Amino acid sequence: SQDETKPWELVRSIRELWEGRSQSVGQVTLAASVATTTVEAPNIGENSRISLCPRTANAAAELGNGTAYVSSVTNRAFVITHANNAQIDRTFDWHAFG
């Protein structure tokens, strides 16, 4: 029956967490011509800590200039405040802890 597989799903999930994998990761490209970008993610909680890793040169410059930062975290979402410009390639990987 389907219920018999559920313990194996739980074991697999625990093993993946133990090995460093989680579902609290993603990729975001900052919105052009506005000053904030909202990222919605079901595994984010208000106490989560968000780490950003640039994937493009313009994303690295944005982070290096100090103009991109996580300005708020709520249940199921976080907001990145950033420079308001027309660039469409400021792409980051993100990881949520906690």
Protein backbone atom coordinates (compact mmCIF):
# COMPACT_ATOMS: atom_id res chain seq x y z
CA SER A 1 0.00 0.00 0.00
CA GLN A 2 1.00 3.64 -0.33
CA ASP A 3 1.28 4.09 3.45
CA GLU A 4 4.07 1.50 3.57
CA THR A 5 6.38 3.75 1.50
CA LYS A 6 6.05 6.77 3.78
CA PRO A 7 8.67 5.59 6.33
CA TRP A 8 11.18 5.24 3.47
CA GLU A 9 10.40 8.76 2.29
CA LEU A 10 11.08 10.04 5.79
CA VAL A 11 14.35 8.08 5.99
CA ARG A 12 15.41 9.41 2.57
CA SER A 13 14.63 13.00 3.61
CA ILE A 14 16.60 12.68 6.85
CA ARG A 15 19.53 11.15 4.98
CA GLU A 16 19.53 13.97 2.42
CA LEU A 17 19.55 16.57 5.20
CA TRP A 18 22.40 14.73 6.92
CA GLU A 19 24.34 14.81 3.64
CA GLY A 20 23.85 18.57 3.36
CA ARG A 21 20.94 18.74 0.94
CA SER A 22 17.81 20.72 1.63
CA GLN A 23 14.93 22.20 -0.29
CA SER A 24 15.75 25.67 1.04
CA VAL A 25 17.71 26.74 -2.01
CA GLY A 26 16.92 28.55 -5.21
CA GLN A 27 17.92 31.08 -7.80
CA VAL A 28 16.65 34.62 -8.27
CA THR A 29 17.24 37.34 -10.83
CA LEU A 30 16.75 40.82 -9.43
CA ALA A 31 13.86 42.72 -10.98
CA ALA A 32 14.82 45.53 -13.36
CA SER A 33 13.78 49.14 -12.81
CA VAL A 34 12.58 48.65 -9.22
CA ALA A 35 14.38 48.70 -5.87
CA THR A 36 13.19 45.40 -4.37
CA THR A 37 12.67 41.79 -5.42
CA THR A 38 10.49 39.38 -3.44
CA VAL A 39 11.37 35.69 -3.39
CA GLU A 40 8.59 33.30 -2.41
CA ALA A 41 9.65 29.94 -1.01
CA PRO A 42 7.58 27.53 1.09
CA ASN A 43 10.51 26.49 3.31
CA ILE A 44 11.39 30.00 4.49
CA GLY A 45 10.49 31.02 8.03
CA GLU A 46 10.68 34.39 9.73
CA ASN A 47 13.81 33.24 11.60
CA SER A 48 15.59 31.94 8.48
CA ARG A 49 18.95 33.41 7.53
CA ILE A 50 19.41 33.96 3.81
CA SER A 51 22.73 33.68 2.01
CA LEU A 52 23.19 35.13 -1.50
CA CYS A 53 25.82 33.94 -3.98
CA PRO A 54 26.23 35.89 -7.24
CA ARG A 55 26.01 33.91 -10.52
CA THR A 56 26.72 36.78 -12.92
CA ALA A 57 29.20 39.65 -13.10
CA ASN A 58 26.46 42.25 -12.53
CA ALA A 59 25.20 40.33 -9.50
CA ALA A 60 28.75 40.23 -8.09
CA ALA A 61 29.10 43.98 -8.66
CA GLU A 62 25.75 44.61 -6.96
CA LEU A 63 26.82 42.61 -3.93
CA GLY A 64 30.31 44.15 -3.92
CA ASN A 65 28.87 47.67 -4.03
CA GLY A 66 26.79 46.90 -0.96
CA THR A 67 23.59 47.73 -2.80
CA ALA A 68 22.01 44.25 -2.56
CA TYR A 69 20.92 42.86 0.79
CA VAL A 70 18.11 40.85 2.34
CA SER A 71 15.90 43.53 3.90
CA SER A 72 13.15 41.35 5.35
CA VAL A 73 12.26 37.71 5.96
CA THR A 74 8.76 36.45 6.64
CA ASN A 75 7.11 33.07 6.58
CA ARG A 76 7.33 31.76 3.01
CA ALA A 77 9.18 34.78 1.52
CA PHE A 78 12.09 37.20 1.72
CA VAL A 79 12.81 40.58 0.12
CA ILE A 80 16.07 41.69 -1.47
CA THR A 81 16.61 45.46 -1.60
CA HIS A 82 18.91 46.49 -4.45
CA ALA A 83 19.85 49.24 -6.87
CA ASN A 84 17.06 50.46 -9.13
CA ASN A 85 18.48 50.05 -12.64
CA ALA A 86 17.66 48.41 -15.98
CA GLN A 87 20.04 45.44 -15.66
CA ILE A 88 18.28 42.13 -16.28
CA ASP A 89 21.12 39.75 -15.49
CA ARG A 90 21.73 40.20 -11.75
CA THR A 91 21.24 36.54 -10.87
CA PHE A 92 21.95 34.98 -7.47
CA ASP A 93 21.76 31.55 -5.93
CA TRP A 94 20.25 31.66 -2.45
CA HIS A 95 20.21 29.30 0.52
CA ALA A 96 18.08 29.61 3.63
CA PHE A 97 19.35 28.37 6.99
CA GLY A 98 17.09 27.77 9.96
